[in-house]
Amino acid sequence: MSHLVWQKSSYSDAEGADACLELAQGDDDLRHLRESDDPDIIVTTTTTKLRALILGAKAGEFDHLL
């Protein structure tokens, strides 16, 4: 996966630059996620599933897990 171009969140700053979520667009409909402080572990999903996760998190669907 060395061909991927990783994008950090715009909320990342100089102090927290080592602990950021990064996202890369892969082939076809694949999206890859990793933490900048542990870049060898990559989670791969589809655009549809990632969108559902993000919308669910914004809606508070996972708040009971905290």
PDB file of N, CA and C in Angstrom:
ATOM      1  N   MET A   1       0.801  -1.186   0.000  1.00  0.00           N
ATOM      2  CA  MET A   1       0.000   0.000   0.000  1.00  0.00           C
ATOM      3  C   MET A   1       0.852   1.262   0.000  1.00  0.00           C
ATOM      4  N   SER A   2       2.049   1.155  -0.424  1.00  0.00           N
ATOM      5  CA  SER A   2       2.944   2.304  -0.422  1.00  0.00           C
ATOM      6  C   SER A   2       2.535   3.352  -1.450  1.00  0.00           C
ATOM      7  N   HIS A   3       1.651   2.999  -2.385  1.00  0.00           N
ATOM      8  CA  HIS A   3       1.212   3.947  -3.398  1.00  0.00           C
ATOM      9  C   HIS A   3       0.119   4.890  -2.900  1.00  0.00           C
ATOM     10  N   LEU A   4      -0.373   4.677  -1.697  1.00  0.00           N
ATOM     11  CA  LEU A   4      -1.454   5.499  -1.166  1.00  0.00           C
ATOM     12  C   LEU A   4      -0.953   6.877  -0.753  1.00  0.00           C
ATOM     13  N   VAL A   5      -1.798   7.873  -0.960  1.00  0.00           N
ATOM     14  CA  VAL A   5      -1.511   9.240  -0.523  1.00  0.00           C
ATOM     15  C   VAL A   5      -2.373   9.498   0.706  1.00  0.00           C
ATOM     16  N   TRP A   6      -1.719   9.660   1.847  1.00  0.00           N
ATOM     17  CA  TRP A   6      -2.423   9.800   3.116  1.00  0.00           C
ATOM     18  C   TRP A   6      -2.726  11.256   3.399  1.00  0.00           C
ATOM     19  N   GLN A   7      -3.924  11.510   3.922  1.00  0.00           N
ATOM     20  CA  GLN A   7      -4.354  12.859   4.268  1.00  0.00           C
ATOM     21  C   GLN A   7      -4.678  12.899   5.752  1.00  0.00           C
ATOM     22  N   LYS A   8      -4.083  13.861   6.457  1.00  0.00           N
ATOM     23  CA  LYS A   8      -4.365  14.042   7.882  1.00  0.00           C
ATOM     24  C   LYS A   8      -5.557  14.979   8.043  1.00  0.00           C
ATOM     25  N   SER A   9      -6.211  14.859   9.166  1.00  0.00           N
ATOM     26  CA  SER A   9      -7.317  15.740   9.499  1.00  0.00           C
ATOM     27  C   SER A   9      -6.841  17.180   9.565  1.00  0.00           C
ATOM     28  N   SER A  10      -7.705  18.085   9.159  1.00  0.00           N
ATOM     29  CA  SER A  10      -7.366  19.509   9.248  1.00  0.00           C
ATOM     30  C   SER A  10      -7.301  19.975  10.703  1.00  0.00           C
ATOM     31  N   TYR A  11      -7.799  19.156  11.629  1.00  0.00           N
ATOM     32  CA  TYR A  11      -7.743  19.484  13.052  1.00  0.00           C
ATOM     33  C   TYR A  11      -6.395  19.129  13.669  1.00  0.00           C
ATOM     34  N   SER A  12      -5.538  18.449  12.932  1.00  0.00           N
ATOM     35  CA  SER A  12      -4.223  18.089  13.454  1.00  0.00           C
ATOM     36  C   SER A  12      -3.365  19.346  13.578  1.00  0.00           C
ATOM     37  N   ASP A  13      -2.664  19.451  14.680  1.00  0.00           N
ATOM     38  CA  ASP A  13      -1.775  20.590  14.858  1.00  0.00           C
ATOM     39  C   ASP A  13      -0.373  20.084  15.167  1.00  0.00           C
ATOM     40  N   ALA A  14       0.539  20.991  15.358  1.00  0.00           N
ATOM     41  CA  ALA A  14       1.940  20.629  15.595  1.00  0.00           C
ATOM     42  C   ALA A  14       2.106  19.797  16.865  1.00  0.00           C
ATOM     43  N   GLU A  15       1.313  20.100  17.903  1.00  0.00           N
ATOM     44  CA  GLU A  15       1.447  19.369  19.160  1.00  0.00           C
ATOM     45  C   GLU A  15       0.942  17.944  19.056  1.00  0.00           C
ATOM     46  N   GLY A  16      -0.169  17.723  18.338  1.00  0.00           N
ATOM     47  CA  GLY A  16      -0.764  16.397  18.252  1.00  0.00           C
ATOM     48  C   GLY A  16      -0.480  15.700  16.944  1.00  0.00           C
ATOM     49  N   ALA A  17       0.555  16.120  16.250  1.00  0.00           N
ATOM     50  CA  ALA A  17       0.828  15.602  14.912  1.00  0.00           C
ATOM     51  C   ALA A  17       1.164  14.116  14.896  1.00  0.00           C
ATOM     52  N   ASP A  18       1.565  13.562  16.043  1.00  0.00           N
ATOM     53  CA  ASP A  18       1.920  12.146  16.073  1.00  0.00           C
ATOM     54  C   ASP A  18       0.742  11.238  16.417  1.00  0.00           C
ATOM     55  N   ALA A  19      -0.433  11.798  16.617  1.00  0.00           N
ATOM     56  CA  ALA A  19      -1.588  10.991  16.992  1.00  0.00           C
ATOM     57  C   ALA A  19      -2.813  11.443  16.204  1.00  0.00           C
ATOM     58  N   CYS A  20      -2.726  11.314  14.897  1.00  0.00           N
ATOM     59  CA  CYS A  20      -3.804  11.774  14.026  1.00  0.00           C
ATOM     60  C   CYS A  20      -4.350  10.622  13.199  1.00  0.00           C
ATOM     61  N   LEU A  21      -5.612  10.715  12.888  1.00  0.00           N
ATOM     62  CA  LEU A  21      -6.223   9.765  11.973  1.00  0.00           C
ATOM     63  C   LEU A  21      -5.907  10.210  10.553  1.00  0.00           C
ATOM     64  N   GLU A  22      -5.467   9.264   9.730  1.00  0.00           N
ATOM     65  CA  GLU A  22      -5.156   9.565   8.338  1.00  0.00           C
ATOM     66  C   GLU A  22      -6.052   8.719   7.444  1.00  0.00           C
ATOM     67  N   LEU A  23      -6.429   9.283   6.300  1.00  0.00           N
ATOM     68  CA  LEU A  23      -7.326   8.630   5.358  1.00  0.00           C
ATOM     69  C   LEU A  23      -6.695   8.643   3.978  1.00  0.00           C
ATOM     70  N   ALA A  24      -6.841   7.541   3.254  1.00  0.00           N
ATOM     71  CA  ALA A  24      -6.332   7.469   1.879  1.00  0.00           C
ATOM     72  C   ALA A  24      -7.378   6.788   0.997  1.00  0.00           C
ATOM     73  N   GLN A  25      -7.487   7.269  -0.217  1.00  0.00           N
ATOM     74  CA  GLN A  25      -8.387   6.652  -1.195  1.00  0.00           C
ATOM     75  C   GLN A  25      -7.614   5.578  -1.939  1.00  0.00           C
ATOM     76  N   GLY A  26      -8.168   4.378  -1.970  1.00  0.00           N
ATOM     77  CA  GLY A  26      -7.522   3.271  -2.654  1.00  0.00           C
ATOM     78  C   GLY A  26      -8.140   3.013  -4.008  1.00  0.00           C
ATOM     79  N   ASP A  27      -7.842   1.869  -4.560  1.00  0.00           N
ATOM     80  CA  ASP A  27      -8.409   1.476  -5.842  1.00  0.00           C
ATOM     81  C   ASP A  27      -9.902   1.241  -5.692  1.00  0.00           C
ATOM     82  N   ASP A  28     -10.626   1.446  -6.779  1.00  0.00           N
ATOM     83  CA  ASP A  28     -12.068   1.237  -6.822  1.00  0.00           C
ATOM     84  C   ASP A  28     -12.752   2.052  -5.729  1.00  0.00           C
ATOM     85  N   ASP A  29     -13.484   1.398  -4.876  1.00  0.00           N
ATOM     86  CA  ASP A  29     -14.280   2.076  -3.851  1.00  0.00           C
ATOM     87  C   ASP A  29     -13.669   1.925  -2.463  1.00  0.00           C
ATOM     88  N   LEU A  30     -12.408   1.593  -2.366  1.00  0.00           N
ATOM     89  CA  LEU A  30     -11.795   1.323  -1.068  1.00  0.00           C
ATOM     90  C   LEU A  30     -11.255   2.593  -0.425  1.00  0.00           C
ATOM     91  N   ARG A  31     -11.415   2.658   0.916  1.00  0.00           N
ATOM     92  CA  ARG A  31     -10.860   3.736   1.720  1.00  0.00           C
ATOM     93  C   ARG A  31     -10.031   3.085   2.822  1.00  0.00           C
ATOM     94  N   HIS A  32      -8.888   3.693   3.116  1.00  0.00           N
ATOM     95  CA  HIS A  32      -7.955   3.142   4.097  1.00  0.00           C
ATOM     96  C   HIS A  32      -7.775   4.156   5.213  1.00  0.00           C
ATOM     97  N   LEU A  33      -7.763   3.655   6.449  1.00  0.00           N
ATOM     98  CA  LEU A  33      -7.573   4.500   7.625  1.00  0.00           C
ATOM     99  C   LEU A  33      -6.418   3.961   8.448  1.00  0.00           C
ATOM    100  N   ARG A  34      -5.684   4.874   9.071  1.00  0.00           N
ATOM    101  CA  ARG A  34      -4.604   4.483   9.974  1.00  0.00           C
ATOM    102  C   ARG A  34      -4.364   5.614  10.958  1.00  0.00           C
ATOM    103  N   GLU A  35      -3.680   5.287  12.035  1.00  0.00           N
ATOM    104  CA  GLU A  35      -3.230   6.308  12.987  1.00  0.00           C
ATOM    105  C   GLU A  35      -1.806   6.685  12.615  1.00  0.00           C
ATOM    106  N   SER A  36      -1.514   7.968  12.657  1.00  0.00           N
ATOM    107  CA  SER A  36      -0.184   8.413  12.247  1.00  0.00           C
ATOM    108  C   SER A  36       0.913   7.890  13.160  1.00  0.00           C
ATOM    109  N   ASP A  37       0.591   7.601  14.426  1.00  0.00           N
ATOM    110  CA  ASP A  37       1.621   7.103  15.338  1.00  0.00           C
ATOM    111  C   ASP A  37       1.812   5.588  15.232  1.00  0.00           C
ATOM    112  N   ASP A  38       1.006   4.900  14.418  1.00  0.00           N
ATOM    113  CA  ASP A  38       1.153   3.448  14.192  1.00  0.00           C
ATOM    114  C   ASP A  38       0.755   3.143  12.744  1.00  0.00           C
ATOM    115  N   PRO A  39       1.508   3.646  11.775  1.00  0.00           N
ATOM    116  CA  PRO A  39       1.105   3.590  10.372  1.00  0.00           C
ATOM    117  C   PRO A  39       1.108   2.197   9.728  1.00  0.00           C
ATOM    118  N   ASP A  40       1.634   1.194  10.407  1.00  0.00           N
ATOM    119  CA  ASP A  40       1.656  -0.147   9.819  1.00  0.00           C
ATOM    120  C   ASP A  40       0.322  -0.872   9.950  1.00  0.00           C
ATOM    121  N   ILE A  41      -0.558  -0.381  10.818  1.00  0.00           N
ATOM    122  CA  ILE A  41      -1.874  -0.986  10.988  1.00  0.00           C
ATOM    123  C   ILE A  41      -2.873  -0.155  10.184  1.00  0.00           C
ATOM    124  N   ILE A  42      -3.472  -0.778   9.174  1.00  0.00           N
ATOM    125  CA  ILE A  42      -4.376  -0.088   8.262  1.00  0.00           C
ATOM    126  C   ILE A  42      -5.722  -0.802   8.248  1.00  0.00           C
ATOM    127  N   VAL A  43      -6.786  -0.030   8.398  1.00  0.00           N
ATOM    128  CA  VAL A  43      -8.148  -0.543   8.306  1.00  0.00           C
ATOM    129  C   VAL A  43      -8.668  -0.168   6.924  1.00  0.00           C
ATOM    130  N   THR A  44      -9.213  -1.141   6.211  1.00  0.00           N
ATOM    131  CA  THR A  44      -9.728  -0.907   4.864  1.00  0.00           C
ATOM    132  C   THR A  44     -11.232  -1.150   4.849  1.00  0.00           C
ATOM    133  N   THR A  45     -11.957  -0.238   4.212  1.00  0.00           N
ATOM    134  CA  THR A  45     -13.408  -0.340   4.119  1.00  0.00           C
ATOM    135  C   THR A  45     -13.862   0.273   2.794  1.00  0.00           C
ATOM    136  N   THR A  46     -15.166   0.341   2.601  1.00  0.00           N
ATOM    137  CA  THR A  46     -15.711   0.964   1.389  1.00  0.00           C
ATOM    138  C   THR A  46     -16.203   2.373   1.726  1.00  0.00           C
ATOM    139  N   THR A  47     -16.432   3.161   0.707  1.00  0.00           N
ATOM    140  CA  THR A  47     -16.930   4.512   0.899  1.00  0.00           C
ATOM    141  C   THR A  47     -18.278   4.493   1.626  1.00  0.00           C
ATOM    142  N   THR A  48     -19.169   3.595   1.219  1.00  0.00           N
ATOM    143  CA  THR A  48     -20.499   3.514   1.813  1.00  0.00           C
ATOM    144  C   THR A  48     -20.422   3.178   3.300  1.00  0.00           C
ATOM    145  N   LYS A  49     -19.598   2.222   3.658  1.00  0.00           N
ATOM    146  CA  LYS A  49     -19.479   1.823   5.059  1.00  0.00           C
ATOM    147  C   LYS A  49     -18.803   2.908   5.894  1.00  0.00           C
ATOM    148  N   LEU A  50     -17.808   3.569   5.347  1.00  0.00           N
ATOM    149  CA  LEU A  50     -17.145   4.656   6.069  1.00  0.00           C
ATOM    150  C   LEU A  50     -18.117   5.810   6.281  1.00  0.00           C
ATOM    151  N   ARG A  51     -18.897   6.137   5.271  1.00  0.00           N
ATOM    152  CA  ARG A  51     -19.899   7.198   5.395  1.00  0.00           C
ATOM    153  C   ARG A  51     -20.900   6.849   6.506  1.00  0.00           C
ATOM    154  N   ALA A  52     -21.356   5.603   6.545  1.00  0.00           N
ATOM    155  CA  ALA A  52     -22.307   5.179   7.582  1.00  0.00           C
ATOM    156  C   ALA A  52     -21.684   5.305   8.969  1.00  0.00           C
ATOM    157  N   LEU A  53     -20.422   4.947   9.118  1.00  0.00           N
ATOM    158  CA  LEU A  53     -19.730   5.072  10.406  1.00  0.00           C
ATOM    159  C   LEU A  53     -19.637   6.525  10.834  1.00  0.00           C
ATOM    160  N   ILE A  54     -19.237   7.390   9.927  1.00  0.00           N
ATOM    161  CA  ILE A  54     -19.085   8.812  10.255  1.00  0.00           C
ATOM    162  C   ILE A  54     -20.430   9.434  10.618  1.00  0.00           C
ATOM    163  N   LEU A  55     -21.463   9.158   9.826  1.00  0.00           N
ATOM    164  CA  LEU A  55     -22.784   9.702  10.116  1.00  0.00           C
ATOM    165  C   LEU A  55     -23.323   9.163  11.445  1.00  0.00           C
ATOM    166  N   GLY A  56     -23.080   7.883  11.716  1.00  0.00           N
ATOM    167  CA  GLY A  56     -23.506   7.301  12.983  1.00  0.00           C
ATOM    168  C   GLY A  56     -22.799   7.938  14.170  1.00  0.00           C
ATOM    169  N   ALA A  57     -21.497   8.182  14.033  1.00  0.00           N
ATOM    170  CA  ALA A  57     -20.736   8.826  15.110  1.00  0.00           C
ATOM    171  C   ALA A  57     -21.239  10.249  15.348  1.00  0.00           C
ATOM    172  N   LYS A  58     -21.499  10.974  14.260  1.00  0.00           N
ATOM    173  CA  LYS A  58     -22.012  12.340  14.403  1.00  0.00           C
ATOM    174  C   LYS A  58     -23.390  12.360  15.054  1.00  0.00           C
ATOM    175  N   ALA A  59     -24.181  11.343  14.800  1.00  0.00           N
ATOM    176  CA  ALA A  59     -25.536  11.270  15.350  1.00  0.00           C
ATOM    177  C   ALA A  59     -25.559  10.727  16.778  1.00  0.00           C
ATOM    178  N   GLY A  60     -24.403  10.314  17.308  1.00  0.00           N
ATOM    179  CA  GLY A  60     -24.330   9.828  18.671  1.00  0.00           C
ATOM    180  C   GLY A  60     -24.706   8.365  18.833  1.00  0.00           C
ATOM    181  N   GLU A  61     -24.759   7.624  17.736  1.00  0.00           N
ATOM    182  CA  GLU A  61     -25.168   6.220  17.802  1.00  0.00           C
ATOM    183  C   GLU A  61     -24.209   5.335  18.607  1.00  0.00           C
ATOM    184  N   PHE A  62     -23.004   5.795  18.840  1.00  0.00           N
ATOM    185  CA  PHE A  62     -22.012   4.986  19.535  1.00  0.00           C
ATOM    186  C   PHE A  62     -21.662   5.539  20.915  1.00  0.00           C
ATOM    187  N   ASP A  63     -22.364   6.581  21.340  1.00  0.00           N
ATOM    188  CA  ASP A  63     -22.062   7.224  22.615  1.00  0.00           C
ATOM    189  C   ASP A  63     -22.170   6.263  23.796  1.00  0.00           C
ATOM    190  N   HIS A  64     -23.025   5.286  23.714  1.00  0.00           N
ATOM    191  CA  HIS A  64     -23.193   4.323  24.813  1.00  0.00           C
ATOM    192  C   HIS A  64     -21.952   3.437  24.993  1.00  0.00           C
ATOM    193  N   LEU A  65     -21.054   3.440  24.030  1.00  0.00           N
ATOM    194  CA  LEU A  65     -19.847   2.630  24.116  1.00  0.00           C
ATOM    195  C   LEU A  65     -18.735   3.320  24.915  1.00  0.00           C
ATOM    196  N   LEU A  66     -18.902   4.596  25.171  1.00  0.00           N
ATOM    197  CA  LEU A  66     -17.867   5.356  25.883  1.00  0.00           C
ATOM    198  C   LEU A  66     -17.996   5.256  27.371  1.00  0.00           C
TER     199      LEU A  66
END
